[in-house]
């Protein structure tokens, strides 16, 4: 079965660059450029394996997109939800571009074209809204309800299944049939990849659920990106978890200033990573703020 693209969430967190494209419309046929993307790093699977693996399957119309140094960001309007809970009428997708090939402004999507997307949801402290990471096998849905898949050698099993099913309605019926027979433990239905308290504004909840809480002094930059910056932080007081010395923390852009003190709530670094990330969107508070006083009092009791 295909390798889950959840593995690449940290890559998205660390690299977000920007260079936008226009919203120019075109009706020309889509051609997939020879790029290697994060969602294209696959373990052999088939259409039924994709149905089981991905928590979200939606039919969506591509609106526009932008190319960034390390990723493509696409905007879609949702036409129909086939699997999972997607309440948004419009969604953003992201795909890592790891190298090779010419990059056109719309990547491998055509504005106005509808696609059946197999996706995972990513909930990040560094983005205002959740975004989705689609599989690299795309199913194009035409106006007559016909279907066409990405024609590359790695997708032969998926293409054969599409040919046999023949239409979008048949594909949807097949998806529901597969799901109805799938053992619960094999059906990936998690609603998002990320902490369920990431949007919380209840400071006590965030304190209770964060692995690390500390007062730190912000030092020099360790890394920079368009929407986030890394700083070396000197631990003044470790209030929860074992933090000492200098740690490398990734903050949203302009969230902190060098040589100032903050109370921060952190999540554990991924295996092999040296970067600490914020545990929620409300995990940074100046040392002289009302929230800092609440934190100090919370741990004093």
C-alpha atoms as a PDB file:
ATOM      1  CA  UNK A   1       0.000   0.000   0.000  1.00  0.00           C
ATOM      2  CA  UNK A   2       1.108   3.527  -0.750  1.00  0.00           C
ATOM      3  CA  UNK A   3       3.266   5.368   1.758  1.00  0.00           C
ATOM      4  CA  UNK A   4       1.148   7.891   3.680  1.00  0.00           C
ATOM      5  CA  UNK A   5       1.921  11.483   2.784  1.00  0.00           C
ATOM      6  CA  UNK A   6       1.562  12.442   6.457  1.00  0.00           C
ATOM      7  CA  UNK A   7       5.327  11.832   6.474  1.00  0.00           C
ATOM      8  CA  UNK A   8       5.808  15.065   4.571  1.00  0.00           C
ATOM      9  CA  UNK A   9       3.912  17.359   6.959  1.00  0.00           C
ATOM     10  CA  UNK A  10       7.159  18.498   8.595  1.00  0.00           C
ATOM     11  CA  UNK A  11       8.642  19.342   5.199  1.00  0.00           C
ATOM     12  CA  UNK A  12       5.672  21.630   4.555  1.00  0.00           C
ATOM     13  CA  UNK A  13       6.153  23.228   7.975  1.00  0.00           C
ATOM     14  CA  UNK A  14       9.816  23.974   7.376  1.00  0.00           C
ATOM     15  CA  UNK A  15       9.640  25.127   3.755  1.00  0.00           C
ATOM     16  CA  UNK A  16       7.070  27.645   2.544  1.00  0.00           C
ATOM     17  CA  UNK A  17       8.283  30.002  -0.139  1.00  0.00           C
ATOM     18  CA  UNK A  18       6.220  32.301  -2.378  1.00  0.00           C
ATOM     19  CA  UNK A  19       5.848  33.287  -6.000  1.00  0.00           C
ATOM     20  CA  UNK A  20       2.315  33.600  -7.289  1.00  0.00           C
ATOM     21  CA  UNK A  21       0.796  32.964 -10.694  1.00  0.00           C
ATOM     22  CA  UNK A  22      -2.057  34.674 -12.472  1.00  0.00           C
ATOM     23  CA  UNK A  23      -5.617  33.347 -12.717  1.00  0.00           C
ATOM     24  CA  UNK A  24      -5.518  33.118 -16.488  1.00  0.00           C
ATOM     25  CA  UNK A  25      -8.072  30.617 -17.797  1.00  0.00           C
ATOM     26  CA  UNK A  26      -7.364  27.872 -20.320  1.00  0.00           C
ATOM     27  CA  UNK A  27      -9.274  24.918 -21.732  1.00  0.00           C
ATOM     28  CA  UNK A  28      -6.321  23.063 -23.194  1.00  0.00           C
ATOM     29  CA  UNK A  29      -5.769  19.447 -22.206  1.00  0.00           C
ATOM     30  CA  UNK A  30      -3.692  18.893 -19.093  1.00  0.00           C
ATOM     31  CA  UNK A  31      -0.208  17.499 -19.444  1.00  0.00           C
ATOM     32  CA  UNK A  32       1.559  16.266 -16.335  1.00  0.00           C
ATOM     33  CA  UNK A  33       5.172  17.532 -16.317  1.00  0.00           C
ATOM     34  CA  UNK A  34       7.866  15.022 -15.343  1.00  0.00           C
ATOM     35  CA  UNK A  35       8.156  16.165 -11.736  1.00  0.00           C
ATOM     36  CA  UNK A  36       8.708  14.187  -8.583  1.00  0.00           C
ATOM     37  CA  UNK A  37       6.306  15.293  -5.843  1.00  0.00           C
ATOM     38  CA  UNK A  38       5.930  14.321  -2.213  1.00  0.00           C
ATOM     39  CA  UNK A  39       2.608  12.644  -2.908  1.00  0.00           C
ATOM     40  CA  UNK A  40       4.212  10.774  -5.806  1.00  0.00           C
ATOM     41  CA  UNK A  41       6.534   8.792  -3.527  1.00  0.00           C
ATOM     42  CA  UNK A  42       4.463   5.646  -3.626  1.00  0.00           C
ATOM     43  CA  UNK A  43       4.497   2.082  -2.477  1.00  0.00           C
ATOM     44  CA  UNK A  44       2.722  -0.059  -5.073  1.00  0.00           C
ATOM     45  CA  UNK A  45      -1.041   0.059  -4.687  1.00  0.00           C
ATOM     46  CA  UNK A  46      -4.252   0.064  -6.708  1.00  0.00           C
ATOM     47  CA  UNK A  47      -7.500   2.031  -6.755  1.00  0.00           C
ATOM     48  CA  UNK A  48      -9.023   0.011  -3.904  1.00  0.00           C
ATOM     49  CA  UNK A  49      -5.889   0.629  -1.833  1.00  0.00           C
ATOM     50  CA  UNK A  50      -6.227   4.371  -2.414  1.00  0.00           C
ATOM     51  CA  UNK A  51      -9.880   4.260  -1.340  1.00  0.00           C
ATOM     52  CA  UNK A  52      -8.864   2.654   1.950  1.00  0.00           C
ATOM     53  CA  UNK A  53      -5.797   4.810   2.538  1.00  0.00           C
ATOM     54  CA  UNK A  54      -7.125   8.345   2.096  1.00  0.00           C
ATOM     55  CA  UNK A  55      -9.532   9.858   4.647  1.00  0.00           C
ATOM     56  CA  UNK A  56     -10.940  12.295   2.066  1.00  0.00           C
ATOM     57  CA  UNK A  57     -12.138  11.767  -1.474  1.00  0.00           C
ATOM     58  CA  UNK A  58     -13.802  14.752  -3.180  1.00  0.00           C
ATOM     59  CA  UNK A  59     -14.781  15.905  -6.631  1.00  0.00           C
ATOM     60  CA  UNK A  60     -13.463  19.439  -6.953  1.00  0.00           C
ATOM     61  CA  UNK A  61     -12.998  22.079  -9.660  1.00  0.00           C
ATOM     62  CA  UNK A  62      -9.534  23.611 -10.024  1.00  0.00           C
ATOM     63  CA  UNK A  63      -9.642  27.415  -9.842  1.00  0.00           C
ATOM     64  CA  UNK A  64      -6.055  28.641  -9.800  1.00  0.00           C
ATOM     65  CA  UNK A  65      -2.686  27.968  -8.219  1.00  0.00           C
ATOM     66  CA  UNK A  66       0.724  29.310  -7.389  1.00  0.00           C
ATOM     67  CA  UNK A  67       4.178  27.867  -7.758  1.00  0.00           C
ATOM     68  CA  UNK A  68       6.556  28.124  -4.823  1.00  0.00           C
ATOM     69  CA  UNK A  69      10.161  27.033  -4.543  1.00  0.00           C
ATOM     70  CA  UNK A  70       9.338  23.804  -2.787  1.00  0.00           C
ATOM     71  CA  UNK A  71       5.658  23.306  -3.430  1.00  0.00           C
ATOM     72  CA  UNK A  72       2.591  23.904  -5.553  1.00  0.00           C
ATOM     73  CA  UNK A  73      -0.503  25.428  -3.888  1.00  0.00           C
ATOM     74  CA  UNK A  74      -3.841  24.890  -5.601  1.00  0.00           C
ATOM     75  CA  UNK A  75      -7.293  26.344  -4.967  1.00  0.00           C
ATOM     76  CA  UNK A  76     -10.370  24.213  -5.626  1.00  0.00           C
ATOM     77  CA  UNK A  77     -14.127  24.548  -5.212  1.00  0.00           C
ATOM     78  CA  UNK A  78     -15.711  21.390  -3.819  1.00  0.00           C
ATOM     79  CA  UNK A  79     -18.456  19.881  -5.992  1.00  0.00           C
ATOM     80  CA  UNK A  80     -19.125  16.651  -4.085  1.00  0.00           C
ATOM     81  CA  UNK A  81     -17.725  14.857  -1.035  1.00  0.00           C
ATOM     82  CA  UNK A  82     -17.406  11.126  -1.700  1.00  0.00           C
ATOM     83  CA  UNK A  83     -15.557  10.083   1.484  1.00  0.00           C
ATOM     84  CA  UNK A  84     -14.786  11.896   4.735  1.00  0.00           C
ATOM     85  CA  UNK A  85     -16.068  15.087   6.343  1.00  0.00           C
ATOM     86  CA  UNK A  86     -15.228  18.165   4.297  1.00  0.00           C
ATOM     87  CA  UNK A  87     -17.418  21.104   5.280  1.00  0.00           C
ATOM     88  CA  UNK A  88     -15.413  23.663   3.297  1.00  0.00           C
ATOM     89  CA  UNK A  89     -16.853  24.786  -0.042  1.00  0.00           C
ATOM     90  CA  UNK A  90     -13.352  25.816  -1.124  1.00  0.00           C
ATOM     91  CA  UNK A  91     -10.094  24.053  -0.254  1.00  0.00           C
ATOM     92  CA  UNK A  92      -6.379  24.631  -0.661  1.00  0.00           C
ATOM     93  CA  UNK A  93      -4.059  21.804  -1.679  1.00  0.00           C
ATOM     94  CA  UNK A  94      -0.294  21.603  -1.395  1.00  0.00           C
ATOM     95  CA  UNK A  95       2.182  19.320  -3.131  1.00  0.00           C
ATOM     96  CA  UNK A  96       5.909  19.247  -2.520  1.00  0.00           C
ATOM     97  CA  UNK A  97       8.078  19.608  -5.614  1.00  0.00           C
ATOM     98  CA  UNK A  98      11.244  17.647  -4.954  1.00  0.00           C
ATOM     99  CA  UNK A  99      12.990  18.063  -8.278  1.00  0.00           C
ATOM    100  CA  UNK A 100      13.190  17.533 -12.015  1.00  0.00           C
ATOM    101  CA  UNK A 101      11.226  18.782 -14.992  1.00  0.00           C
ATOM    102  CA  UNK A 102       9.786  22.057 -16.194  1.00  0.00           C
ATOM    103  CA  UNK A 103       7.297  23.714 -13.870  1.00  0.00           C
ATOM    104  CA  UNK A 104       4.390  25.463 -15.589  1.00  0.00           C
ATOM    105  CA  UNK A 105       2.259  27.987 -13.769  1.00  0.00           C
ATOM    106  CA  UNK A 106      -0.653  25.613 -13.171  1.00  0.00           C
ATOM    107  CA  UNK A 107       1.514  22.564 -12.486  1.00  0.00           C
ATOM    108  CA  UNK A 108      -0.540  19.607 -13.775  1.00  0.00           C
ATOM    109  CA  UNK A 109      -4.023  21.089 -13.322  1.00  0.00           C
ATOM    110  CA  UNK A 110      -6.315  22.864 -15.801  1.00  0.00           C
ATOM    111  CA  UNK A 111      -8.458  25.778 -14.541  1.00  0.00           C
ATOM    112  CA  UNK A 112     -12.140  24.887 -14.759  1.00  0.00           C
ATOM    113  CA  UNK A 113     -11.460  21.135 -14.905  1.00  0.00           C
ATOM    114  CA  UNK A 114     -13.048  18.866 -12.283  1.00  0.00           C
ATOM    115  CA  UNK A 115     -10.935  16.208 -10.573  1.00  0.00           C
ATOM    116  CA  UNK A 116     -11.600  13.365  -8.166  1.00  0.00           C
ATOM    117  CA  UNK A 117      -8.964  13.943  -5.492  1.00  0.00           C
ATOM    118  CA  UNK A 118      -7.763  11.422  -2.898  1.00  0.00           C
ATOM    119  CA  UNK A 119      -6.433  13.517  -0.026  1.00  0.00           C
ATOM    120  CA  UNK A 120      -5.179  13.863   3.528  1.00  0.00           C
ATOM    121  CA  UNK A 121      -5.920  16.938   5.659  1.00  0.00           C
ATOM    122  CA  UNK A 122      -3.090  18.862   7.290  1.00  0.00           C
ATOM    123  CA  UNK A 123      -3.759  21.142  10.259  1.00  0.00           C
ATOM    124  CA  UNK A 124      -0.790  23.424  10.883  1.00  0.00           C
ATOM    125  CA  UNK A 125       0.026  26.128  13.427  1.00  0.00           C
ATOM    126  CA  UNK A 126       1.677  28.057  10.598  1.00  0.00           C
ATOM    127  CA  UNK A 127      -1.312  28.368   8.268  1.00  0.00           C
ATOM    128  CA  UNK A 128      -4.588  30.191   8.883  1.00  0.00           C
ATOM    129  CA  UNK A 129      -6.690  27.333   7.494  1.00  0.00           C
ATOM    130  CA  UNK A 130      -6.280  23.597   7.100  1.00  0.00           C
ATOM    131  CA  UNK A 131      -4.964  22.417   3.754  1.00  0.00           C
ATOM    132  CA  UNK A 132      -5.041  19.114   1.898  1.00  0.00           C
ATOM    133  CA  UNK A 133      -2.333  17.000   0.277  1.00  0.00           C
ATOM    134  CA  UNK A 134      -3.654  15.038  -2.723  1.00  0.00           C
ATOM    135  CA  UNK A 135      -2.350  11.828  -4.205  1.00  0.00           C
ATOM    136  CA  UNK A 136      -0.421  12.274  -7.426  1.00  0.00           C
ATOM    137  CA  UNK A 137      -2.816   9.992  -9.339  1.00  0.00           C
ATOM    138  CA  UNK A 138      -5.461  12.386 -10.682  1.00  0.00           C
ATOM    139  CA  UNK A 139      -8.868  11.384 -12.020  1.00  0.00           C
ATOM    140  CA  UNK A 140     -10.262  13.914 -14.474  1.00  0.00           C
ATOM    141  CA  UNK A 141     -14.078  14.078 -14.647  1.00  0.00           C
ATOM    142  CA  UNK A 142     -15.461  15.434 -17.920  1.00  0.00           C
ATOM    143  CA  UNK A 143     -18.783  17.200 -18.486  1.00  0.00           C
ATOM    144  CA  UNK A 144     -20.444  13.975 -19.641  1.00  0.00           C
ATOM    145  CA  UNK A 145     -19.376  12.115 -16.501  1.00  0.00           C
ATOM    146  CA  UNK A 146     -16.513  10.265 -18.129  1.00  0.00           C
ATOM    147  CA  UNK A 147     -13.273   9.665 -16.256  1.00  0.00           C
ATOM    148  CA  UNK A 148      -9.623   9.724 -17.258  1.00  0.00           C
ATOM    149  CA  UNK A 149      -6.585   9.049 -15.101  1.00  0.00           C
ATOM    150  CA  UNK A 150      -2.994  10.262 -15.062  1.00  0.00           C
ATOM    151  CA  UNK A 151      -1.367   8.237 -17.815  1.00  0.00           C
ATOM    152  CA  UNK A 152       1.998   7.192 -16.401  1.00  0.00           C
ATOM    153  CA  UNK A 153       3.486   3.735 -16.055  1.00  0.00           C
ATOM    154  CA  UNK A 154       3.292   3.763 -12.241  1.00  0.00           C
ATOM    155  CA  UNK A 155      -0.501   4.030 -12.384  1.00  0.00           C
ATOM    156  CA  UNK A 156      -1.300   1.006 -14.582  1.00  0.00           C
ATOM    157  CA  UNK A 157      -3.476  -0.700 -11.956  1.00  0.00           C
ATOM    158  CA  UNK A 158      -5.474   2.454 -11.298  1.00  0.00           C
ATOM    159  CA  UNK A 159      -5.906   3.136 -15.018  1.00  0.00           C
ATOM    160  CA  UNK A 160      -7.148  -0.411 -15.650  1.00  0.00           C
ATOM    161  CA  UNK A 161      -9.700  -0.055 -12.855  1.00  0.00           C
ATOM    162  CA  UNK A 162     -10.918   3.277 -14.279  1.00  0.00           C
ATOM    163  CA  UNK A 163     -11.268   1.774 -17.755  1.00  0.00           C
ATOM    164  CA  UNK A 164     -13.395  -1.046 -16.368  1.00  0.00           C
ATOM    165  CA  UNK A 165     -15.613   1.290 -14.334  1.00  0.00           C
ATOM    166  CA  UNK A 166     -16.028   3.691 -17.238  1.00  0.00           C
ATOM    167  CA  UNK A 167     -17.808   6.630 -15.594  1.00  0.00           C
ATOM    168  CA  UNK A 168     -17.748   8.928 -12.578  1.00  0.00           C
ATOM    169  CA  UNK A 169     -21.000   7.475 -11.231  1.00  0.00           C
ATOM    170  CA  UNK A 170     -19.574   3.972 -11.429  1.00  0.00           C
ATOM    171  CA  UNK A 171     -16.375   5.084  -9.695  1.00  0.00           C
ATOM    172  CA  UNK A 172     -18.404   6.602  -6.828  1.00  0.00           C
ATOM    173  CA  UNK A 173     -20.514   3.466  -6.535  1.00  0.00           C
ATOM    174  CA  UNK A 174     -17.349   1.369  -6.452  1.00  0.00           C
ATOM    175  CA  UNK A 175     -15.867   3.552  -3.714  1.00  0.00           C
ATOM    176  CA  UNK A 176     -18.949   3.049  -1.535  1.00  0.00           C
ATOM    177  CA  UNK A 177     -18.901  -0.710  -2.218  1.00  0.00           C
ATOM    178  CA  UNK A 178     -15.232  -0.953  -1.200  1.00  0.00           C
ATOM    179  CA  UNK A 179     -15.857   1.077   1.960  1.00  0.00           C
ATOM    180  CA  UNK A 180     -18.862  -1.049   2.928  1.00  0.00           C
ATOM    181  CA  UNK A 181     -16.763  -4.229   2.838  1.00  0.00           C
ATOM    182  CA  UNK A 182     -13.571  -2.784   4.348  1.00  0.00           C
ATOM    183  CA  UNK A 183     -12.630  -3.817   7.908  1.00  0.00           C
ATOM    184  CA  UNK A 184     -12.681  -0.759  10.178  1.00  0.00           C
ATOM    185  CA  UNK A 185      -8.984  -1.076  11.023  1.00  0.00           C
ATOM    186  CA  UNK A 186      -8.076  -0.830   7.322  1.00  0.00           C
ATOM    187  CA  UNK A 187     -10.247   2.195   6.561  1.00  0.00           C
ATOM    188  CA  UNK A 188      -8.345   5.417   7.221  1.00  0.00           C
ATOM    189  CA  UNK A 189     -10.928   7.934   8.394  1.00  0.00           C
ATOM    190  CA  UNK A 190      -9.020  10.288  10.697  1.00  0.00           C
ATOM    191  CA  UNK A 191     -10.362  13.790  10.243  1.00  0.00           C
ATOM    192  CA  UNK A 192      -7.010  15.563  10.104  1.00  0.00           C
ATOM    193  CA  UNK A 193      -3.306  15.179  10.663  1.00  0.00           C
ATOM    194  CA  UNK A 194      -2.577  17.487  13.587  1.00  0.00           C
ATOM    195  CA  UNK A 195      -3.469  18.116  17.208  1.00  0.00           C
ATOM    196  CA  UNK A 196      -7.179  18.479  17.930  1.00  0.00           C
ATOM    197  CA  UNK A 197      -6.512  21.496  20.193  1.00  0.00           C
ATOM    198  CA  UNK A 198      -4.499  23.399  17.600  1.00  0.00           C
ATOM    199  CA  UNK A 199      -7.160  26.144  17.306  1.00  0.00           C
ATOM    200  CA  UNK A 200      -7.882  26.320  21.029  1.00  0.00           C
ATOM    201  CA  UNK A 201      -7.784  29.687  22.785  1.00  0.00           C
ATOM    202  CA  UNK A 202      -8.187  28.118  26.235  1.00  0.00           C
ATOM    203  CA  UNK A 203      -4.720  28.677  27.663  1.00  0.00           C
ATOM    204  CA  UNK A 204      -5.166  26.077  30.415  1.00  0.00           C
ATOM    205  CA  UNK A 205      -6.162  23.415  27.891  1.00  0.00           C
ATOM    206  CA  UNK A 206      -3.092  24.235  25.798  1.00  0.00           C
ATOM    207  CA  UNK A 207      -0.855  24.096  28.887  1.00  0.00           C
ATOM    208  CA  UNK A 208      -2.280  20.714  29.917  1.00  0.00           C
ATOM    209  CA  UNK A 209      -1.888  19.188  26.478  1.00  0.00           C
ATOM    210  CA  UNK A 210       1.460  20.670  25.418  1.00  0.00           C
ATOM    211  CA  UNK A 211       4.475  18.387  26.017  1.00  0.00           C
ATOM    212  CA  UNK A 212       6.713  21.386  26.789  1.00  0.00           C
ATOM    213  CA  UNK A 213       6.177  24.798  28.383  1.00  0.00           C
ATOM    214  CA  UNK A 214       9.033  27.226  28.996  1.00  0.00           C
ATOM    215  CA  UNK A 215      10.057  30.828  29.389  1.00  0.00           C
ATOM    216  CA  UNK A 216      12.700  31.637  26.786  1.00  0.00           C
ATOM    217  CA  UNK A 217      14.815  34.494  25.510  1.00  0.00           C
ATOM    218  CA  UNK A 218      14.813  34.850  21.724  1.00  0.00           C
ATOM    219  CA  UNK A 219      18.227  34.799  20.094  1.00  0.00           C
ATOM    220  CA  UNK A 220      19.386  34.855  16.481  1.00  0.00           C
ATOM    221  CA  UNK A 221      17.655  33.471  13.395  1.00  0.00           C
ATOM    222  CA  UNK A 222      18.300  29.813  12.662  1.00  0.00           C
ATOM    223  CA  UNK A 223      16.263  29.719   9.437  1.00  0.00           C
ATOM    224  CA  UNK A 224      13.854  31.869   7.428  1.00  0.00           C
ATOM    225  CA  UNK A 225      10.933  31.206   5.112  1.00  0.00           C
ATOM    226  CA  UNK A 226       8.037  33.205   3.729  1.00  0.00           C
ATOM    227  CA  UNK A 227       5.554  32.487   6.526  1.00  0.00           C
ATOM    228  CA  UNK A 228       7.764  31.238   9.371  1.00  0.00           C
ATOM    229  CA  UNK A 229      11.141  31.791  10.985  1.00  0.00           C
ATOM    230  CA  UNK A 230      13.404  29.677  13.139  1.00  0.00           C
ATOM    231  CA  UNK A 231      15.133  31.166  16.180  1.00  0.00           C
ATOM    232  CA  UNK A 232      17.682  29.897  18.662  1.00  0.00           C
ATOM    233  CA  UNK A 233      16.014  30.284  22.066  1.00  0.00           C
ATOM    234  CA  UNK A 234      17.739  30.246  25.442  1.00  0.00           C
ATOM    235  CA  UNK A 235      15.651  28.413  28.035  1.00  0.00           C
ATOM    236  CA  UNK A 236      15.231  30.609  31.126  1.00  0.00           C
ATOM    237  CA  UNK A 237      12.762  28.413  32.992  1.00  0.00           C
ATOM    238  CA  UNK A 238      11.439  25.008  31.984  1.00  0.00           C
ATOM    239  CA  UNK A 239       7.929  24.724  33.402  1.00  0.00           C
ATOM    240  CA  UNK A 240       6.897  21.440  31.789  1.00  0.00           C
ATOM    241  CA  UNK A 241       8.992  18.793  30.076  1.00  0.00           C
ATOM    242  CA  UNK A 242      12.772  18.746  30.134  1.00  0.00           C
ATOM    243  CA  UNK A 243      14.166  21.709  28.240  1.00  0.00           C
ATOM    244  CA  UNK A 244      17.540  23.268  28.875  1.00  0.00           C
ATOM    245  CA  UNK A 245      20.249  25.268  27.181  1.00  0.00           C
ATOM    246  CA  UNK A 246      19.464  26.569  23.700  1.00  0.00           C
ATOM    247  CA  UNK A 247      16.724  25.098  21.543  1.00  0.00           C
ATOM    248  CA  UNK A 248      15.742  25.745  17.919  1.00  0.00           C
ATOM    249  CA  UNK A 249      12.086  26.765  17.589  1.00  0.00           C
ATOM    250  CA  UNK A 250      10.022  27.481  14.467  1.00  0.00           C
ATOM    251  CA  UNK A 251       7.640  30.448  14.892  1.00  0.00           C
ATOM    252  CA  UNK A 252       5.079  32.038  12.563  1.00  0.00           C
ATOM    253  CA  UNK A 253       6.465  35.054  10.738  1.00  0.00           C
ATOM    254  CA  UNK A 254       6.789  38.138  12.997  1.00  0.00           C
ATOM    255  CA  UNK A 255       5.499  36.279  16.083  1.00  0.00           C
ATOM    256  CA  UNK A 256       8.575  37.090  18.198  1.00  0.00           C
ATOM    257  CA  UNK A 257      11.459  39.581  18.369  1.00  0.00           C
ATOM    258  CA  UNK A 258      15.110  38.933  19.114  1.00  0.00           C
ATOM    259  CA  UNK A 259      16.347  39.658  22.656  1.00  0.00           C
ATOM    260  CA  UNK A 260      12.828  39.583  24.085  1.00  0.00           C
ATOM    261  CA  UNK A 261      11.339  37.013  26.478  1.00  0.00           C
ATOM    262  CA  UNK A 262       8.299  34.835  25.882  1.00  0.00           C
ATOM    263  CA  UNK A 263       6.393  31.967  27.399  1.00  0.00           C
ATOM    264  CA  UNK A 264       6.012  29.293  24.736  1.00  0.00           C
ATOM    265  CA  UNK A 265       4.188  25.960  24.535  1.00  0.00           C
ATOM    266  CA  UNK A 266       5.808  23.376  22.310  1.00  0.00           C
ATOM    267  CA  UNK A 267       5.233  20.028  20.685  1.00  0.00           C
ATOM    268  CA  UNK A 268       7.835  17.275  20.501  1.00  0.00           C
ATOM    269  CA  UNK A 269      10.214  17.364  17.522  1.00  0.00           C
ATOM    270  CA  UNK A 270       9.687  14.635  14.938  1.00  0.00           C
ATOM    271  CA  UNK A 271      12.137  11.752  15.047  1.00  0.00           C
ATOM    272  CA  UNK A 272      15.493  12.953  13.784  1.00  0.00           C
ATOM    273  CA  UNK A 273      14.498  16.625  13.815  1.00  0.00           C
ATOM    274  CA  UNK A 274      16.189  19.347  15.864  1.00  0.00           C
ATOM    275  CA  UNK A 275      13.285  21.778  15.485  1.00  0.00           C
ATOM    276  CA  UNK A 276      10.646  22.347  18.129  1.00  0.00           C
ATOM    277  CA  UNK A 277       7.263  23.506  16.808  1.00  0.00           C
ATOM    278  CA  UNK A 278       4.452  25.345  18.554  1.00  0.00           C
ATOM    279  CA  UNK A 279       1.733  23.158  20.040  1.00  0.00           C
ATOM    280  CA  UNK A 280      -1.135  25.454  18.958  1.00  0.00           C
ATOM    281  CA  UNK A 281      -1.885  28.731  17.237  1.00  0.00           C
ATOM    282  CA  UNK A 282      -2.020  30.415  20.666  1.00  0.00           C
ATOM    283  CA  UNK A 283       1.239  29.081  22.112  1.00  0.00           C
ATOM    284  CA  UNK A 284       3.389  32.236  22.199  1.00  0.00           C
ATOM    285  CA  UNK A 285       2.949  34.978  24.813  1.00  0.00           C
ATOM    286  CA  UNK A 286       5.189  37.895  25.699  1.00  0.00           C
ATOM    287  CA  UNK A 287       6.667  37.653  29.207  1.00  0.00           C
ATOM    288  CA  UNK A 288       4.872  40.833  30.269  1.00  0.00           C
ATOM    289  CA  UNK A 289       1.435  39.826  28.921  1.00  0.00           C
ATOM    290  CA  UNK A 290      -1.680  38.862  30.890  1.00  0.00           C
ATOM    291  CA  UNK A 291      -1.363  35.331  29.509  1.00  0.00           C
ATOM    292  CA  UNK A 292       2.176  35.061  30.876  1.00  0.00           C
ATOM    293  CA  UNK A 293       0.858  35.944  34.338  1.00  0.00           C
ATOM    294  CA  UNK A 294      -1.753  33.188  34.007  1.00  0.00           C
ATOM    295  CA  UNK A 295       0.944  30.698  32.998  1.00  0.00           C
ATOM    296  CA  UNK A 296       3.184  31.660  35.905  1.00  0.00           C
ATOM    297  CA  UNK A 297       0.335  31.368  38.382  1.00  0.00           C
ATOM    298  CA  UNK A 298      -0.765  28.047  36.890  1.00  0.00           C
ATOM    299  CA  UNK A 299       2.598  26.427  37.548  1.00  0.00           C
ATOM    300  CA  UNK A 300       3.095  28.137  40.906  1.00  0.00           C
ATOM    301  CA  UNK A 301       0.092  26.289  42.355  1.00  0.00           C
END
